[in-house]
């Protein structure tokens, strides 16, 4: 499988998904299906929940395949 990194932003944060790291634990979508829905394309709907709920769910990813950055913080490093 080719390693792919995808970015999903809601303006406040950007969620990063790295497919090569994903262990398919299902924790993401079982905890927040309105955002992480493997039956949809794209499978991440970053606008479907509040930012804090998304951050909390991303932090539960055991493999590190999901991560995030706060857009203002990322932009201030440039």
N, C-alpha and C. Protein backbone atom coordinates (compact mmCIF):
# COMPACT_ATOMS: atom_id res chain seq x y z
N UNK A 1 0.83 -1.17 0.00
CA UNK A 1 0.00 0.00 0.00
C UNK A 1 0.89 1.25 0.00
N UNK A 2 0.54 2.17 -0.85
CA UNK A 2 1.27 3.43 -0.93
C UNK A 2 0.91 4.30 0.28
N UNK A 3 1.91 4.86 0.91
CA UNK A 3 1.68 5.76 2.05
C UNK A 3 1.06 7.06 1.55
N UNK A 4 -0.06 7.43 2.16
CA UNK A 4 -0.77 8.64 1.80
C UNK A 4 -1.04 9.44 3.07
N UNK A 5 -0.85 10.74 2.99
CA UNK A 5 -1.18 11.63 4.09
C UNK A 5 -2.24 12.59 3.59
N UNK A 6 -3.33 12.69 4.35
CA UNK A 6 -4.43 13.59 3.97
C UNK A 6 -4.67 14.59 5.09
N UNK A 7 -5.13 15.77 4.70
CA UNK A 7 -5.37 16.87 5.62
C UNK A 7 -6.82 17.33 5.51
N UNK A 8 -7.44 17.53 6.66
CA UNK A 8 -8.83 17.98 6.72
C UNK A 8 -8.90 19.15 7.69
N UNK A 9 -9.37 20.31 7.24
CA UNK A 9 -9.39 21.47 8.12
C UNK A 9 -10.79 22.06 8.26
N UNK A 10 -11.04 22.59 9.44
CA UNK A 10 -12.29 23.32 9.69
C UNK A 10 -12.01 24.80 9.94
N UNK A 11 -10.79 25.23 9.68
CA UNK A 11 -10.40 26.61 9.91
C UNK A 11 -9.68 26.79 11.23
N UNK A 12 -10.11 26.08 12.26
CA UNK A 12 -9.47 26.15 13.58
C UNK A 12 -8.34 25.15 13.71
N UNK A 13 -8.63 23.92 13.32
CA UNK A 13 -7.62 22.86 13.38
C UNK A 13 -7.55 22.14 12.05
N UNK A 14 -6.47 21.42 11.86
CA UNK A 14 -6.33 20.53 10.72
C UNK A 14 -6.04 19.14 11.25
N UNK A 15 -6.86 18.18 10.86
CA UNK A 15 -6.65 16.78 11.22
C UNK A 15 -5.82 16.16 10.11
N UNK A 16 -4.81 15.43 10.52
CA UNK A 16 -3.90 14.76 9.59
C UNK A 16 -4.13 13.26 9.72
N UNK A 17 -4.30 12.58 8.59
CA UNK A 17 -4.46 11.13 8.60
C UNK A 17 -3.36 10.51 7.74
N UNK A 18 -2.60 9.60 8.34
CA UNK A 18 -1.53 8.88 7.64
C UNK A 18 -1.94 7.42 7.53
N UNK A 19 -2.34 7.02 6.33
CA UNK A 19 -2.89 5.68 6.14
C UNK A 19 -1.91 4.57 6.49
N UNK A 20 -0.63 4.79 6.29
CA UNK A 20 0.36 3.74 6.55
C UNK A 20 0.49 3.42 8.04
N UNK A 21 0.10 4.36 8.90
CA UNK A 21 0.18 4.13 10.34
C UNK A 21 -1.10 3.52 10.92
N UNK A 22 -2.19 3.61 10.17
CA UNK A 22 -3.50 3.20 10.69
C UNK A 22 -3.55 1.70 10.98
N UNK A 23 -3.97 1.36 12.20
CA UNK A 23 -4.11 -0.04 12.61
C UNK A 23 -5.57 -0.48 12.61
N UNK A 24 -6.46 0.38 12.14
CA UNK A 24 -7.89 0.07 12.03
C UNK A 24 -8.47 -0.41 13.36
N UNK A 25 -8.15 0.31 14.42
CA UNK A 25 -8.64 -0.03 15.75
C UNK A 25 -10.13 0.28 15.89
N UNK A 26 -10.67 1.12 15.04
CA UNK A 26 -12.07 1.57 15.00
C UNK A 26 -12.41 2.54 16.13
N UNK A 27 -11.44 2.92 16.94
CA UNK A 27 -11.70 3.84 18.05
C UNK A 27 -12.21 5.18 17.53
N UNK A 28 -11.66 5.66 16.44
CA UNK A 28 -12.05 6.97 15.92
C UNK A 28 -13.53 7.01 15.57
N UNK A 29 -13.97 6.07 14.74
CA UNK A 29 -15.35 6.16 14.30
C UNK A 29 -16.36 5.65 15.32
N UNK A 30 -15.97 4.75 16.19
CA UNK A 30 -16.90 4.31 17.23
C UNK A 30 -17.13 5.42 18.25
N UNK A 31 -16.17 6.32 18.39
CA UNK A 31 -16.31 7.40 19.34
C UNK A 31 -16.91 8.67 18.77
N UNK A 32 -16.82 8.84 17.45
CA UNK A 32 -17.31 10.08 16.84
C UNK A 32 -17.66 9.82 15.37
N UNK A 33 -18.69 9.01 15.17
CA UNK A 33 -19.08 8.56 13.83
C UNK A 33 -19.47 9.72 12.92
N UNK A 34 -20.02 10.80 13.48
CA UNK A 34 -20.41 11.91 12.61
C UNK A 34 -19.20 12.55 11.92
N UNK A 35 -18.02 12.38 12.48
CA UNK A 35 -16.81 12.92 11.86
C UNK A 35 -16.03 11.84 11.13
N UNK A 36 -15.84 10.69 11.78
CA UNK A 36 -15.02 9.62 11.22
C UNK A 36 -15.94 8.48 10.76
N UNK A 37 -16.29 8.48 9.49
CA UNK A 37 -17.24 7.50 8.96
C UNK A 37 -16.60 6.74 7.81
N UNK A 38 -16.13 5.52 8.05
CA UNK A 38 -15.46 4.76 7.00
C UNK A 38 -16.36 4.39 5.83
N UNK A 39 -17.66 4.57 5.98
CA UNK A 39 -18.60 4.28 4.90
C UNK A 39 -18.80 5.45 3.94
N UNK A 40 -18.18 6.59 4.25
CA UNK A 40 -18.32 7.78 3.43
C UNK A 40 -17.00 8.11 2.73
N UNK A 41 -17.09 8.90 1.70
CA UNK A 41 -15.89 9.39 1.02
C UNK A 41 -16.05 10.88 0.80
N UNK A 42 -15.17 11.71 1.34
CA UNK A 42 -14.06 11.32 2.20
C UNK A 42 -14.57 10.84 3.55
N UNK A 43 -13.78 10.02 4.22
CA UNK A 43 -14.24 9.38 5.45
C UNK A 43 -14.17 10.30 6.67
N UNK A 44 -13.50 11.44 6.55
CA UNK A 44 -13.45 12.42 7.64
C UNK A 44 -14.24 13.65 7.22
N UNK A 45 -15.28 13.97 8.01
CA UNK A 45 -16.08 15.17 7.81
C UNK A 45 -15.76 16.12 8.96
N UNK A 46 -14.78 16.93 8.79
CA UNK A 46 -14.23 17.80 9.83
C UNK A 46 -15.23 18.84 10.32
N UNK A 47 -16.28 19.07 9.58
CA UNK A 47 -17.27 20.09 9.95
C UNK A 47 -18.45 19.50 10.73
N UNK A 48 -18.44 18.22 11.03
CA UNK A 48 -19.59 17.56 11.64
C UNK A 48 -19.62 17.59 13.17
N UNK A 49 -18.61 18.16 13.80
CA UNK A 49 -18.60 18.24 15.27
C UNK A 49 -17.76 19.44 15.68
N UNK A 50 -17.89 19.81 16.94
CA UNK A 50 -17.11 20.91 17.47
C UNK A 50 -15.63 20.53 17.54
N UNK A 51 -14.79 21.53 17.40
CA UNK A 51 -13.35 21.32 17.37
C UNK A 51 -12.86 20.54 18.58
N UNK A 52 -13.30 20.89 19.77
CA UNK A 52 -12.81 20.22 20.98
C UNK A 52 -13.16 18.74 20.98
N UNK A 53 -14.33 18.37 20.50
CA UNK A 53 -14.72 16.95 20.42
C UNK A 53 -13.82 16.20 19.44
N UNK A 54 -13.48 16.85 18.33
CA UNK A 54 -12.60 16.22 17.35
C UNK A 54 -11.21 16.01 17.95
N UNK A 55 -10.69 17.03 18.63
CA UNK A 55 -9.38 16.92 19.27
C UNK A 55 -9.36 15.76 20.27
N UNK A 56 -10.38 15.68 21.10
CA UNK A 56 -10.45 14.60 22.09
C UNK A 56 -10.44 13.23 21.43
N UNK A 57 -11.16 13.09 20.33
CA UNK A 57 -11.21 11.79 19.66
C UNK A 57 -9.88 11.48 18.95
N UNK A 58 -9.30 12.45 18.30
CA UNK A 58 -8.01 12.24 17.63
C UNK A 58 -6.95 11.81 18.65
N UNK A 59 -6.99 12.39 19.84
CA UNK A 59 -6.01 12.04 20.88
C UNK A 59 -6.15 10.60 21.36
N UNK A 60 -7.24 9.94 21.05
CA UNK A 60 -7.44 8.54 21.44
C UNK A 60 -6.88 7.55 20.41
N UNK A 61 -6.42 8.04 19.29
CA UNK A 61 -5.90 7.16 18.23
C UNK A 61 -4.65 6.44 18.73
N UNK A 62 -4.69 5.11 18.84
CA UNK A 62 -3.56 4.39 19.42
C UNK A 62 -2.33 4.29 18.53
N UNK A 63 -2.51 4.43 17.24
CA UNK A 63 -1.39 4.24 16.32
C UNK A 63 -0.68 5.54 15.94
N UNK A 64 -1.35 6.66 16.18
CA UNK A 64 -0.79 7.94 15.73
C UNK A 64 -1.12 8.25 14.28
N UNK A 65 -1.98 7.44 13.68
CA UNK A 65 -2.36 7.69 12.29
C UNK A 65 -3.16 8.98 12.17
N UNK A 66 -3.90 9.31 13.22
CA UNK A 66 -4.61 10.58 13.28
C UNK A 66 -3.86 11.52 14.20
N UNK A 67 -3.66 12.71 13.73
CA UNK A 67 -3.07 13.77 14.55
C UNK A 67 -3.74 15.07 14.14
N UNK A 68 -3.38 16.16 14.81
CA UNK A 68 -3.95 17.44 14.44
C UNK A 68 -2.98 18.54 14.79
N UNK A 69 -3.20 19.69 14.20
CA UNK A 69 -2.50 20.90 14.64
C UNK A 69 -3.49 22.04 14.60
N UNK A 70 -3.25 23.00 15.50
CA UNK A 70 -4.07 24.20 15.56
C UNK A 70 -3.55 25.11 14.45
N UNK A 71 -4.42 25.56 13.58
CA UNK A 71 -3.99 26.30 12.40
C UNK A 71 -3.20 27.55 12.74
N UNK A 72 -3.63 28.34 13.70
CA UNK A 72 -2.89 29.56 14.05
C UNK A 72 -1.50 29.25 14.56
N UNK A 73 -1.35 28.16 15.35
CA UNK A 73 -0.04 27.77 15.86
C UNK A 73 0.86 27.31 14.72
N UNK A 74 0.33 26.53 13.81
CA UNK A 74 1.11 26.05 12.67
C UNK A 74 1.54 27.23 11.80
N UNK A 75 0.62 28.15 11.54
CA UNK A 75 0.95 29.28 10.70
C UNK A 75 1.96 30.21 11.34
N UNK A 76 1.99 30.30 12.67
CA UNK A 76 2.93 31.20 13.34
C UNK A 76 4.36 30.69 13.28
N UNK A 77 4.52 29.39 12.97
CA UNK A 77 5.87 28.83 12.84
C UNK A 77 6.50 29.14 11.50
N UNK A 78 5.73 29.59 10.54
CA UNK A 78 6.22 29.81 9.19
C UNK A 78 7.01 31.09 9.09
